């Protein structure tokens, strides 16, 4: 698998299985920022990690928020 993006995987129950949503980031650092934020907001998350993905990039982090790359941000961003 040639990695195209990075994703966040979480464990949120007792099955110890890793689950992920559809957000994919260009860099591991962006995925880590998203994972840290998700962990603080979602109390069900027991553990989280970043992983490579062969899916295309779909989001980027902007001012601490995951933004769909097809959405426009204001001129300051």
Protein backbone atom coordinates (compact mmCIF):
# COMPACT_ATOMS: atom_id res chain seq x y z
CA UNK A 1 0.00 0.00 0.00
CA UNK A 2 1.43 3.34 -1.02
CA UNK A 3 0.22 5.83 1.60
CA UNK A 4 -1.69 8.77 0.21
CA UNK A 5 -2.92 10.16 3.50
CA UNK A 6 -3.14 9.75 7.27
CA UNK A 7 -6.18 8.86 9.36
CA UNK A 8 -7.06 8.67 13.04
CA UNK A 9 -8.18 5.35 14.50
CA UNK A 10 -9.88 5.02 17.87
CA UNK A 11 -10.89 2.32 20.32
CA UNK A 12 -14.20 3.25 21.90
CA UNK A 13 -15.40 -0.01 23.45
CA UNK A 14 -14.18 -3.24 25.01
CA UNK A 15 -13.64 -5.09 21.71
CA UNK A 16 -10.15 -3.56 21.29
CA UNK A 17 -10.86 -3.03 17.58
CA UNK A 18 -9.65 0.11 15.84
CA UNK A 19 -12.27 2.21 14.03
CA UNK A 20 -11.92 5.28 11.87
CA UNK A 21 -14.11 7.89 10.21
CA UNK A 22 -13.75 9.21 6.65
CA UNK A 23 -11.40 12.10 7.45
CA UNK A 24 -8.01 11.77 5.73
CA UNK A 25 -5.13 14.22 6.19
CA UNK A 26 -2.05 15.03 4.11
CA UNK A 27 0.38 14.75 7.02
CA UNK A 28 0.73 12.67 10.15
CA UNK A 29 0.99 15.90 12.15
CA UNK A 30 -2.46 17.01 10.99
CA UNK A 31 -3.90 13.60 11.87
CA UNK A 32 -2.28 13.80 15.31
CA UNK A 33 -3.75 17.25 15.90
CA UNK A 34 -7.19 15.95 14.93
CA UNK A 35 -6.75 12.84 17.13
CA UNK A 36 -5.81 14.91 20.19
CA UNK A 37 -8.83 17.16 19.62
CA UNK A 38 -11.16 14.20 19.11
CA UNK A 39 -9.89 12.54 22.29
CA UNK A 40 -10.69 15.65 24.34
CA UNK A 41 -14.20 16.01 22.87
CA UNK A 42 -15.41 12.43 22.67
CA UNK A 43 -15.49 10.77 26.08
CA UNK A 44 -16.04 7.27 24.63
CA UNK A 45 -12.53 7.18 23.12
CA UNK A 46 -10.27 4.92 25.19
CA UNK A 47 -7.21 5.09 22.92
CA UNK A 48 -6.33 6.66 19.59
CA UNK A 49 -3.54 6.45 17.03
CA UNK A 50 -2.63 7.66 13.57
CA UNK A 51 -2.32 5.27 10.65
CA UNK A 52 -1.42 5.48 6.99
CA UNK A 53 -4.22 5.25 4.47
CA UNK A 54 -4.32 4.56 0.74
CA UNK A 55 -7.32 6.87 0.40
CA UNK A 56 -7.03 10.43 -0.95
CA UNK A 57 -6.69 13.43 1.34
CA UNK A 58 -10.11 14.83 2.24
CA UNK A 59 -9.43 17.29 5.11
CA UNK A 60 -6.87 19.65 6.52
CA UNK A 61 -6.54 21.24 9.92
CA UNK A 62 -7.27 24.98 9.96
CA UNK A 63 -7.21 26.94 13.22
CA UNK A 64 -7.67 23.69 15.17
CA UNK A 65 -10.65 22.49 13.13
CA UNK A 66 -10.80 19.74 10.50
CA UNK A 67 -11.95 21.37 7.26
CA UNK A 68 -13.01 19.59 4.08
CA UNK A 69 -10.41 20.55 1.47
CA UNK A 70 -13.17 21.45 -0.97
CA UNK A 71 -14.55 24.07 1.44
CA UNK A 72 -13.16 27.57 1.30
CA UNK A 73 -11.77 29.37 4.34
CA UNK A 74 -11.71 33.11 4.86
CA UNK A 75 -8.90 35.25 3.44
CA UNK A 76 -7.01 35.15 6.77
CA UNK A 77 -6.52 31.36 6.58
